[in-house]
Amino acid sequence: MDCRWSERDGQPFVEFTWDGSDEGDQISGSGWAGLAEDGTLTGRLFIHMGDESGFTATPSTKSEKRNGV
C-alpha cells in the first residue's frame, strides 16, 4: 500500500493504491477512506480494470465483542 494522508472538511482522510493477488493472479487498484465525527469510516475500493465497492465501518463497542475478544 502507498498512502497519502490529508484532511477533508476538517476530518482525517486517506487516498491509497494497493497491489496483491487473487487466486494467484496479480491485481492492483486504489481507494480512499474518510473518518467522520461519529467515528464511522467510509470509503471506496477500486480494482484496476475491474469492480469497485463502497464500504462503511463502525467502531465496535464493548457489548458487541464476542467470545471474550
PDB file of N, CA and C in Angstrom:
ATOM      1  N   MET A   1       0.838  -1.178   0.000  1.00  0.00           N
ATOM      2  CA  MET A   1       0.000   0.000   0.000  1.00  0.00           C
ATOM      3  C   MET A   1       0.876   1.231   0.000  1.00  0.00           C
ATOM      4  N   ASP A   2       0.419   2.209  -0.737  1.00  0.00           N
ATOM      5  CA  ASP A   2       1.039   3.521  -0.739  1.00  0.00           C
ATOM      6  C   ASP A   2      -0.054   4.506  -0.362  1.00  0.00           C
ATOM      7  N   CYS A   3       0.110   5.200   0.761  1.00  0.00           N
ATOM      8  CA  CYS A   3      -0.954   6.059   1.304  1.00  0.00           C
ATOM      9  C   CYS A   3      -0.557   7.531   1.301  1.00  0.00           C
ATOM     10  N   ARG A   4      -1.537   8.376   1.109  1.00  0.00           N
ATOM     11  CA  ARG A   4      -1.376   9.828   1.219  1.00  0.00           C
ATOM     12  C   ARG A   4      -2.448  10.334   2.166  1.00  0.00           C
ATOM     13  N   TRP A   5      -2.010  10.829   3.342  1.00  0.00           N
ATOM     14  CA  TRP A   5      -2.931  11.307   4.373  1.00  0.00           C
ATOM     15  C   TRP A   5      -3.201  12.784   4.190  1.00  0.00           C
ATOM     16  N   SER A   6      -4.445  13.191   4.456  1.00  0.00           N
ATOM     17  CA  SER A   6      -4.813  14.598   4.397  1.00  0.00           C
ATOM     18  C   SER A   6      -6.073  14.803   5.239  1.00  0.00           C
ATOM     19  N   GLU A   7      -6.725  15.939   5.055  1.00  0.00           N
ATOM     20  CA  GLU A   7      -7.996  16.224   5.725  1.00  0.00           C
ATOM     21  C   GLU A   7      -9.004  16.695   4.695  1.00  0.00           C
ATOM     22  N   ARG A   8     -10.249  16.350   4.928  1.00  0.00           N
ATOM     23  CA  ARG A   8     -11.373  16.879   4.134  1.00  0.00           C
ATOM     24  C   ARG A   8     -12.435  17.310   5.119  1.00  0.00           C
ATOM     25  N   ASP A   9     -12.893  18.519   4.984  1.00  0.00           N
ATOM     26  CA  ASP A   9     -13.884  19.087   5.906  1.00  0.00           C
ATOM     27  C   ASP A   9     -13.426  18.961   7.358  1.00  0.00           C
ATOM     28  N   GLY A  10     -12.120  19.089   7.583  1.00  0.00           N
ATOM     29  CA  GLY A  10     -11.575  19.038   8.929  1.00  0.00           C
ATOM     30  C   GLY A  10     -11.452  17.655   9.523  1.00  0.00           C
ATOM     31  N   GLN A  11     -11.718  16.599   8.743  1.00  0.00           N
ATOM     32  CA  GLN A  11     -11.662  15.216   9.232  1.00  0.00           C
ATOM     33  C   GLN A  11     -10.541  14.459   8.513  1.00  0.00           C
ATOM     34  N   PRO A  12      -9.926  13.452   9.188  1.00  0.00           N
ATOM     35  CA  PRO A  12      -8.868  12.663   8.555  1.00  0.00           C
ATOM     36  C   PRO A  12      -9.369  11.951   7.291  1.00  0.00           C
ATOM     37  N   PHE A  13      -8.498  11.898   6.301  1.00  0.00           N
ATOM     38  CA  PHE A  13      -8.833  11.319   5.001  1.00  0.00           C
ATOM     39  C   PHE A  13      -7.572  10.686   4.427  1.00  0.00           C
ATOM     40  N   VAL A  14      -7.712   9.542   3.766  1.00  0.00           N
ATOM     41  CA  VAL A  14      -6.565   8.888   3.147  1.00  0.00           C
ATOM     42  C   VAL A  14      -6.933   8.422   1.739  1.00  0.00           C
ATOM     43  N   GLU A  15      -5.998   8.593   0.808  1.00  0.00           N
ATOM     44  CA  GLU A  15      -6.105   8.020  -0.532  1.00  0.00           C
ATOM     45  C   GLU A  15      -4.962   7.033  -0.659  1.00  0.00           C
ATOM     46  N   PHE A  16      -5.185   5.912  -1.341  1.00  0.00           N
ATOM     47  CA  PHE A  16      -4.158   4.891  -1.393  1.00  0.00           C
ATOM     48  C   PHE A  16      -4.205   4.099  -2.689  1.00  0.00           C
ATOM     49  N   THR A  17      -3.085   3.476  -3.006  1.00  0.00           N
ATOM     50  CA  THR A  17      -3.002   2.477  -4.065  1.00  0.00           C
ATOM     51  C   THR A  17      -2.543   1.185  -3.403  1.00  0.00           C
ATOM     52  N   TRP A  18      -2.848   0.061  -4.016  1.00  0.00           N
ATOM     53  CA  TRP A  18      -2.502  -1.221  -3.428  1.00  0.00           C
ATOM     54  C   TRP A  18      -2.235  -2.233  -4.539  1.00  0.00           C
ATOM     55  N   ASP A  19      -1.538  -3.311  -4.182  1.00  0.00           N
ATOM     56  CA  ASP A  19      -1.400  -4.448  -5.096  1.00  0.00           C
ATOM     57  C   ASP A  19      -1.384  -5.729  -4.281  1.00  0.00           C
ATOM     58  N   GLY A  20      -1.753  -6.812  -4.933  1.00  0.00           N
ATOM     59  CA  GLY A  20      -1.849  -8.096  -4.248  1.00  0.00           C
ATOM     60  C   GLY A  20      -2.121  -9.203  -5.248  1.00  0.00           C
ATOM     61  N   SER A  21      -2.739 -10.275  -4.776  1.00  0.00           N
ATOM     62  CA  SER A  21      -3.066 -11.384  -5.668  1.00  0.00           C
ATOM     63  C   SER A  21      -4.460 -11.913  -5.348  1.00  0.00           C
ATOM     64  N   ASP A  22      -5.088 -12.464  -6.366  1.00  0.00           N
ATOM     65  CA  ASP A  22      -6.407 -13.075  -6.246  1.00  0.00           C
ATOM     66  C   ASP A  22      -6.329 -14.430  -6.938  1.00  0.00           C
ATOM     67  N   GLU A  23      -6.320 -15.503  -6.146  1.00  0.00           N
ATOM     68  CA  GLU A  23      -6.202 -16.855  -6.672  1.00  0.00           C
ATOM     69  C   GLU A  23      -4.993 -16.990  -7.605  1.00  0.00           C
ATOM     70  N   GLY A  24      -3.873 -16.374  -7.197  1.00  0.00           N
ATOM     71  CA  GLY A  24      -2.635 -16.472  -7.955  1.00  0.00           C
ATOM     72  C   GLY A  24      -2.437 -15.412  -9.020  1.00  0.00           C
ATOM     73  N   ASP A  25      -3.469 -14.638  -9.345  1.00  0.00           N
ATOM     74  CA  ASP A  25      -3.349 -13.570 -10.340  1.00  0.00           C
ATOM     75  C   ASP A  25      -2.995 -12.254  -9.653  1.00  0.00           C
ATOM     76  N   GLN A  26      -2.005 -11.533 -10.218  1.00  0.00           N
ATOM     77  CA  GLN A  26      -1.650 -10.225  -9.684  1.00  0.00           C
ATOM     78  C   GLN A  26      -2.789  -9.237  -9.953  1.00  0.00           C
ATOM     79  N   ILE A  27      -3.167  -8.469  -8.937  1.00  0.00           N
ATOM     80  CA  ILE A  27      -4.177  -7.426  -9.094  1.00  0.00           C
ATOM     81  C   ILE A  27      -3.685  -6.167  -8.395  1.00  0.00           C
ATOM     82  N   SER A  28      -4.266  -5.039  -8.752  1.00  0.00           N
ATOM     83  CA  SER A  28      -3.910  -3.772  -8.119  1.00  0.00           C
ATOM     84  C   SER A  28      -5.109  -2.844  -8.201  1.00  0.00           C
ATOM     85  N   GLY A  29      -5.015  -1.735  -7.491  1.00  0.00           N
ATOM     86  CA  GLY A  29      -6.101  -0.780  -7.519  1.00  0.00           C
ATOM     87  C   GLY A  29      -5.810   0.419  -6.642  1.00  0.00           C
ATOM     88  N   SER A  30      -6.868   1.127  -6.312  1.00  0.00           N
ATOM     89  CA  SER A  30      -6.754   2.330  -5.491  1.00  0.00           C
ATOM     90  C   SER A  30      -7.979   2.431  -4.599  1.00  0.00           C
ATOM     91  N   GLY A  31      -7.993   3.444  -3.773  1.00  0.00           N
ATOM     92  CA  GLY A  31      -9.136   3.651  -2.916  1.00  0.00           C
ATOM     93  C   GLY A  31      -8.986   4.889  -2.070  1.00  0.00           C
ATOM     94  N   TRP A  32      -9.996   5.144  -1.270  1.00  0.00           N
ATOM     95  CA  TRP A  32      -9.968   6.265  -0.335  1.00  0.00           C
ATOM     96  C   TRP A  32     -10.837   5.922   0.859  1.00  0.00           C
ATOM     97  N   ALA A  33     -10.592   6.611   1.969  1.00  0.00           N
ATOM     98  CA  ALA A  33     -11.399   6.419   3.173  1.00  0.00           C
ATOM     99  C   ALA A  33     -11.356   7.707   3.984  1.00  0.00           C
ATOM    100  N   GLY A  34     -12.502   8.036   4.588  1.00  0.00           N
ATOM    101  CA  GLY A  34     -12.601   9.224   5.422  1.00  0.00           C
ATOM    102  C   GLY A  34     -13.259   8.897   6.755  1.00  0.00           C
ATOM    103  N   LEU A  35     -12.753   9.523   7.807  1.00  0.00           N
ATOM    104  CA  LEU A  35     -13.279   9.318   9.150  1.00  0.00           C
ATOM    105  C   LEU A  35     -14.251  10.443   9.478  1.00  0.00           C
ATOM    106  N   ALA A  36     -15.476  10.087   9.869  1.00  0.00           N
ATOM    107  CA  ALA A  36     -16.498  11.072  10.226  1.00  0.00           C
ATOM    108  C   ALA A  36     -16.424  11.391  11.723  1.00  0.00           C
ATOM    109  N   GLU A  37     -17.063  12.468  12.117  1.00  0.00           N
ATOM    110  CA  GLU A  37     -17.061  12.878  13.521  1.00  0.00           C
ATOM    111  C   GLU A  37     -17.655  11.820  14.439  1.00  0.00           C
ATOM    112  N   ASP A  38     -18.593  11.013  13.940  1.00  0.00           N
ATOM    113  CA  ASP A  38     -19.213   9.973  14.776  1.00  0.00           C
ATOM    114  C   ASP A  38     -18.368   8.705  14.875  1.00  0.00           C
ATOM    115  N   GLY A  39     -17.176   8.704  14.278  1.00  0.00           N
ATOM    116  CA  GLY A  39     -16.279   7.558  14.362  1.00  0.00           C
ATOM    117  C   GLY A  39     -16.435   6.550  13.241  1.00  0.00           C
ATOM    118  N   THR A  40     -17.399   6.743  12.341  1.00  0.00           N
ATOM    119  CA  THR A  40     -17.540   5.817  11.214  1.00  0.00           C
ATOM    120  C   THR A  40     -16.489   6.125  10.153  1.00  0.00           C
ATOM    121  N   LEU A  41     -16.102   5.094   9.451  1.00  0.00           N
ATOM    122  CA  LEU A  41     -15.135   5.205   8.370  1.00  0.00           C
ATOM    123  C   LEU A  41     -15.847   4.806   7.094  1.00  0.00           C
ATOM    124  N   THR A  42     -15.847   5.699   6.116  1.00  0.00           N
ATOM    125  CA  THR A  42     -16.500   5.400   4.841  1.00  0.00           C
ATOM    126  C   THR A  42     -15.464   5.511   3.741  1.00  0.00           C
ATOM    127  N   GLY A  43     -15.600   4.666   2.721  1.00  0.00           N
ATOM    128  CA  GLY A  43     -14.635   4.722   1.646  1.00  0.00           C
ATOM    129  C   GLY A  43     -15.061   3.936   0.430  1.00  0.00           C
ATOM    130  N   ARG A  44     -14.135   3.829  -0.498  1.00  0.00           N
ATOM    131  CA  ARG A  44     -14.386   3.130  -1.751  1.00  0.00           C
ATOM    132  C   ARG A  44     -13.105   2.440  -2.191  1.00  0.00           C
ATOM    133  N   LEU A  45     -13.226   1.207  -2.678  1.00  0.00           N
ATOM    134  CA  LEU A  45     -12.105   0.434  -3.203  1.00  0.00           C
ATOM    135  C   LEU A  45     -12.301   0.218  -4.696  1.00  0.00           C
ATOM    136  N   PHE A  46     -11.231   0.363  -5.455  1.00  0.00           N
ATOM    137  CA  PHE A  46     -11.277   0.188  -6.902  1.00  0.00           C
ATOM    138  C   PHE A  46     -10.250  -0.851  -7.314  1.00  0.00           C
ATOM    139  N   ILE A  47     -10.655  -1.820  -8.136  1.00  0.00           N
ATOM    140  CA  ILE A  47      -9.744  -2.806  -8.704  1.00  0.00           C
ATOM    141  C   ILE A  47      -9.443  -2.364 -10.129  1.00  0.00           C
ATOM    142  N   HIS A  48      -8.148  -2.249 -10.461  1.00  0.00           N
ATOM    143  CA  HIS A  48      -7.744  -1.801 -11.796  1.00  0.00           C
ATOM    144  C   HIS A  48      -8.392  -2.684 -12.862  1.00  0.00           C
ATOM    145  N   MET A  49      -9.103  -2.044 -13.790  1.00  0.00           N
ATOM    146  CA  MET A  49      -9.818  -2.713 -14.875  1.00  0.00           C
ATOM    147  C   MET A  49     -10.815  -3.743 -14.352  1.00  0.00           C
ATOM    148  N   GLY A  50     -11.456  -3.426 -13.209  1.00  0.00           N
ATOM    149  CA  GLY A  50     -12.405  -4.374 -12.619  1.00  0.00           C
ATOM    150  C   GLY A  50     -13.483  -3.672 -11.824  1.00  0.00           C
ATOM    151  N   ASP A  51     -13.918  -4.332 -10.774  1.00  0.00           N
ATOM    152  CA  ASP A  51     -15.021  -3.842  -9.947  1.00  0.00           C
ATOM    153  C   ASP A  51     -14.603  -2.710  -9.028  1.00  0.00           C
ATOM    154  N   GLU A  52     -15.607  -2.108  -8.424  1.00  0.00           N
ATOM    155  CA  GLU A  52     -15.400  -1.143  -7.359  1.00  0.00           C
ATOM    156  C   GLU A  52     -16.466  -1.392  -6.310  1.00  0.00           C
ATOM    157  N   SER A  53     -16.165  -1.002  -5.079  1.00  0.00           N
ATOM    158  CA  SER A  53     -17.099  -1.274  -3.995  1.00  0.00           C
ATOM    159  C   SER A  53     -16.950  -0.223  -2.909  1.00  0.00           C
ATOM    160  N   GLY A  54     -18.070   0.187  -2.345  1.00  0.00           N
ATOM    161  CA  GLY A  54     -18.053   1.111  -1.230  1.00  0.00           C
ATOM    162  C   GLY A  54     -18.158   0.364   0.083  1.00  0.00           C
ATOM    163  N   PHE A  55     -17.723   1.002   1.168  1.00  0.00           N
ATOM    164  CA  PHE A  55     -17.826   0.377   2.482  1.00  0.00           C
ATOM    165  C   PHE A  55     -18.054   1.429   3.557  1.00  0.00           C
ATOM    166  N   THR A  56     -18.637   0.990   4.648  1.00  0.00           N
ATOM    167  CA  THR A  56     -18.776   1.787   5.863  1.00  0.00           C
ATOM    168  C   THR A  56     -18.413   0.892   7.034  1.00  0.00           C
ATOM    169  N   ALA A  57     -17.537   1.385   7.893  1.00  0.00           N
ATOM    170  CA  ALA A  57     -17.131   0.641   9.086  1.00  0.00           C
ATOM    171  C   ALA A  57     -17.517   1.455  10.313  1.00  0.00           C
ATOM    172  N   THR A  58     -18.041   0.785  11.310  1.00  0.00           N
ATOM    173  CA  THR A  58     -18.410   1.457  12.554  1.00  0.00           C
ATOM    174  C   THR A  58     -17.569   0.911  13.694  1.00  0.00           C
ATOM    175  N   PRO A  59     -17.217   1.765  14.644  1.00  0.00           N
ATOM    176  CA  PRO A  59     -16.422   1.273  15.776  1.00  0.00           C
ATOM    177  C   PRO A  59     -17.228   0.268  16.593  1.00  0.00           C
ATOM    178  N   SER A  60     -16.554  -0.748  17.090  1.00  0.00           N
ATOM    179  CA  SER A  60     -17.245  -1.724  17.927  1.00  0.00           C
ATOM    180  C   SER A  60     -17.349  -1.163  19.349  1.00  0.00           C
ATOM    181  N   THR A  61     -18.336  -1.646  20.051  1.00  0.00           N
ATOM    182  CA  THR A  61     -18.493  -1.274  21.455  1.00  0.00           C
ATOM    183  C   THR A  61     -18.211  -2.507  22.298  1.00  0.00           C
ATOM    184  N   LYS A  62     -17.989  -2.298  23.574  1.00  0.00           N
ATOM    185  CA  LYS A  62     -17.669  -3.414  24.449  1.00  0.00           C
ATOM    186  C   LYS A  62     -18.749  -4.488  24.401  1.00  0.00           C
ATOM    187  N   SER A  63     -20.014  -4.100  24.296  1.00  0.00           N
ATOM    188  CA  SER A  63     -21.115  -5.069  24.282  1.00  0.00           C
ATOM    189  C   SER A  63     -21.163  -5.874  22.975  1.00  0.00           C
ATOM    190  N   GLU A  64     -20.507  -5.386  21.904  1.00  0.00           N
ATOM    191  CA  GLU A  64     -20.518  -6.100  20.636  1.00  0.00           C
ATOM    192  C   GLU A  64     -19.435  -7.169  20.546  1.00  0.00           C
ATOM    193  N   LYS A  65     -18.489  -7.191  21.478  1.00  0.00           N
ATOM    194  CA  LYS A  65     -17.400  -8.155  21.425  1.00  0.00           C
ATOM    195  C   LYS A  65     -17.928  -9.558  21.681  1.00  0.00           C
ATOM    196  N   ARG A  66     -17.371 -10.526  20.956  1.00  0.00           N
ATOM    197  CA  ARG A  66     -17.803 -11.915  21.076  1.00  0.00           C
ATOM    198  C   ARG A  66     -16.677 -12.776  21.617  1.00  0.00           C
ATOM    199  N   ASN A  67     -17.046 -13.827  22.314  1.00  0.00           N
ATOM    200  CA  ASN A  67     -16.098 -14.845  22.786  1.00  0.00           C
ATOM    201  C   ASN A  67     -14.942 -14.239  23.569  1.00  0.00           C
ATOM    202  N   GLY A  68     -15.196 -13.161  24.281  1.00  0.00           N
ATOM    203  CA  GLY A  68     -14.165 -12.560  25.117  1.00  0.00           C
ATOM    204  C   GLY A  68     -13.058 -11.869  24.362  1.00  0.00           C
ATOM    205  N   VAL A  69     -13.233 -11.646  23.065  1.00  0.00           N
ATOM    206  CA  VAL A  69     -12.195 -10.993  22.251  1.00  0.00           C
ATOM    207  C   VAL A  69     -12.489  -9.528  22.125  1.00  0.00           C
TER     208      VAL A  69
END
